[in-house]
Amino acid sequence: MACVAVTWARPESTYTDKWDNINVDEILESNRLLKGYVDCLLGKGRCTPDGKALKETLPDALEHECVKCTGKQKSGADKVIRHLVNKRPDLWKELAVEYDPDNIYQARYKDKIDAVKGSA
């Protein structure tokens, strides 16, 4: 998903940077943590405060090409996308079904997704 960085929407020009220093690598390296975030996003499990914020912000970030994302959020999103596409395609597919059932964003971001395939 385009902006799977932890964000929280607010009226200003960018999402809050409150969670910009979350260790994305730690989450990606832990099956338990990653599964917890994915389950939250899919409505299958409890959400931590940052997971809830991500769940609330993700649709807007996808719709508006992460225009309100901070640099760290964009970087984190790229890292998450690369990891899911290459190492956890099962989770990527589940998230795509939930957040992009009509394949709108998969088509919109096809070049970016294709560019990360094979680059872990």
Protein backbone atom coordinates (compact mmCIF):
# COMPACT_ATOMS: atom_id res chain seq x y z
CA MET A 1 0.00 0.00 0.00
CA ALA A 2 1.32 3.38 -0.92
CA CYS A 3 1.69 4.94 2.50
CA VAL A 4 1.94 2.28 5.06
CA ALA A 5 3.92 4.68 7.25
CA VAL A 6 2.37 5.44 10.60
CA THR A 7 0.51 8.72 10.28
CA TRP A 8 -2.42 10.64 11.72
CA ALA A 9 -4.41 13.11 9.66
CA ARG A 10 -4.79 16.72 10.73
CA PRO A 11 -5.85 19.85 8.91
CA GLU A 12 -2.30 21.12 8.31
CA SER A 13 -0.42 20.43 5.09
CA THR A 14 1.18 17.17 6.33
CA TYR A 15 0.19 14.32 8.60
CA THR A 16 1.58 14.57 12.09
CA ASP A 17 5.19 13.51 12.49
CA LYS A 18 4.38 12.08 15.94
CA TRP A 19 5.26 8.56 14.83
CA ASP A 20 8.03 9.35 12.34
CA ASN A 21 10.66 7.76 14.56
CA ILE A 22 9.03 4.34 14.80
CA ASN A 23 11.53 1.67 13.84
CA VAL A 24 9.98 0.30 10.64
CA ASP A 25 12.79 -2.26 10.28
CA GLU A 26 11.96 -3.73 13.69
CA ILE A 27 8.32 -4.16 12.66
CA LEU A 28 9.22 -5.72 9.30
CA GLU A 29 11.70 -8.13 10.91
CA SER A 30 9.16 -9.36 13.47
CA ASN A 31 6.42 -11.60 12.13
CA ARG A 32 4.41 -10.95 15.30
CA LEU A 33 4.58 -7.15 15.00
CA LEU A 34 3.98 -7.12 11.25
CA LYS A 35 1.03 -9.49 11.57
CA GLY A 36 -0.39 -7.29 14.34
CA TYR A 37 -0.33 -4.22 12.09
CA VAL A 38 -1.78 -6.12 9.13
CA ASP A 39 -4.52 -7.65 11.28
CA CYS A 40 -5.35 -4.18 12.58
CA LEU A 41 -5.53 -2.77 9.04
CA LEU A 42 -7.74 -5.66 7.96
CA GLY A 43 -10.06 -5.35 10.96
CA LYS A 44 -9.02 -8.81 12.18
CA GLY A 45 -7.32 -7.75 15.38
CA ARG A 46 -6.88 -5.08 17.97
CA CYS A 47 -5.13 -1.89 16.97
CA THR A 48 -2.41 -0.11 18.87
CA PRO A 49 -2.78 3.70 18.86
CA ASP A 50 -0.31 3.98 15.97
CA GLY A 51 -2.01 1.12 14.12
CA LYS A 52 -5.35 2.87 14.52
CA ALA A 53 -3.86 6.11 13.20
CA LEU A 54 -2.43 4.27 10.19
CA LYS A 55 -5.77 2.60 9.51
CA GLU A 56 -7.55 5.95 9.58
CA THR A 57 -4.96 7.71 7.42
CA LEU A 58 -4.16 5.05 4.82
CA PRO A 59 -7.21 5.60 2.57
CA ASP A 60 -6.48 9.33 2.32
CA ALA A 61 -2.79 8.70 1.67
CA LEU A 62 -3.62 6.24 -1.11
CA GLU A 63 -6.20 8.52 -2.67
CA HIS A 64 -3.94 11.57 -2.68
CA GLU A 65 -0.62 9.90 -3.51
CA CYS A 66 0.80 10.47 -0.02
CA VAL A 67 0.94 14.21 -0.65
CA LYS A 68 0.51 14.93 3.09
CA CYS A 69 3.21 12.41 4.08
CA THR A 70 6.43 13.67 5.61
CA GLY A 71 9.72 12.60 4.05
CA LYS A 72 10.19 9.94 6.73
CA GLN A 73 6.69 8.62 6.12
CA LYS A 74 7.33 8.35 2.39
CA SER A 75 10.64 6.60 3.03
CA GLY A 76 9.00 4.23 5.51
CA ALA A 77 6.16 3.52 3.10
CA ASP A 78 8.63 2.67 0.33
CA LYS A 79 10.45 0.29 2.68
CA VAL A 80 7.20 -1.39 3.74
CA ILE A 81 6.01 -1.75 0.15
CA ARG A 82 9.34 -3.24 -0.93
CA HIS A 83 9.22 -5.72 1.97
CA LEU A 84 5.61 -6.78 1.42
CA VAL A 85 5.88 -7.08 -2.36
CA ASN A 86 9.07 -9.15 -2.21
CA LYS A 87 8.93 -11.05 1.08
CA ARG A 88 5.27 -11.15 2.13
CA PRO A 89 3.16 -11.16 -1.04
CA ASP A 90 0.44 -12.95 0.91
CA LEU A 91 0.02 -9.95 3.20
CA TRP A 92 0.37 -7.52 0.28
CA LYS A 93 -2.49 -9.29 -1.48
CA GLU A 94 -4.72 -9.21 1.62
CA LEU A 95 -4.10 -5.50 2.05
CA ALA A 96 -4.72 -4.86 -1.63
CA VAL A 97 -8.06 -6.68 -1.48
CA GLU A 98 -9.09 -4.60 1.55
CA TYR A 99 -7.82 -1.19 0.44
CA ASP A 100 -7.95 -1.54 -3.34
CA PRO A 101 -10.74 -3.96 -4.26
CA ASP A 102 -11.20 -2.33 -7.67
CA ASN A 103 -7.45 -2.31 -8.45
CA ILE A 104 -7.42 1.47 -8.78
CA TYR A 105 -4.26 2.04 -6.74
CA GLN A 106 -2.48 -1.06 -8.05
CA ALA A 107 -2.93 0.39 -11.52
CA ARG A 108 -2.04 3.96 -10.45
CA TYR A 109 1.15 2.86 -8.70
CA LYS A 110 2.03 -0.01 -11.08
CA ASP A 111 5.37 1.48 -12.14
CA LYS A 112 6.41 2.05 -8.53
CA ILE A 113 5.34 -1.46 -7.49
CA ASP A 114 7.10 -3.03 -10.46
CA ALA A 115 10.23 -1.02 -9.66
CA VAL A 116 10.52 -2.53 -6.17
CA LYS A 117 9.94 -6.14 -7.24
CA GLY A 118 13.09 -8.10 -6.67
CA SER A 119 14.75 -5.32 -4.67
CA ALA A 120 14.50 -6.27 -1.03
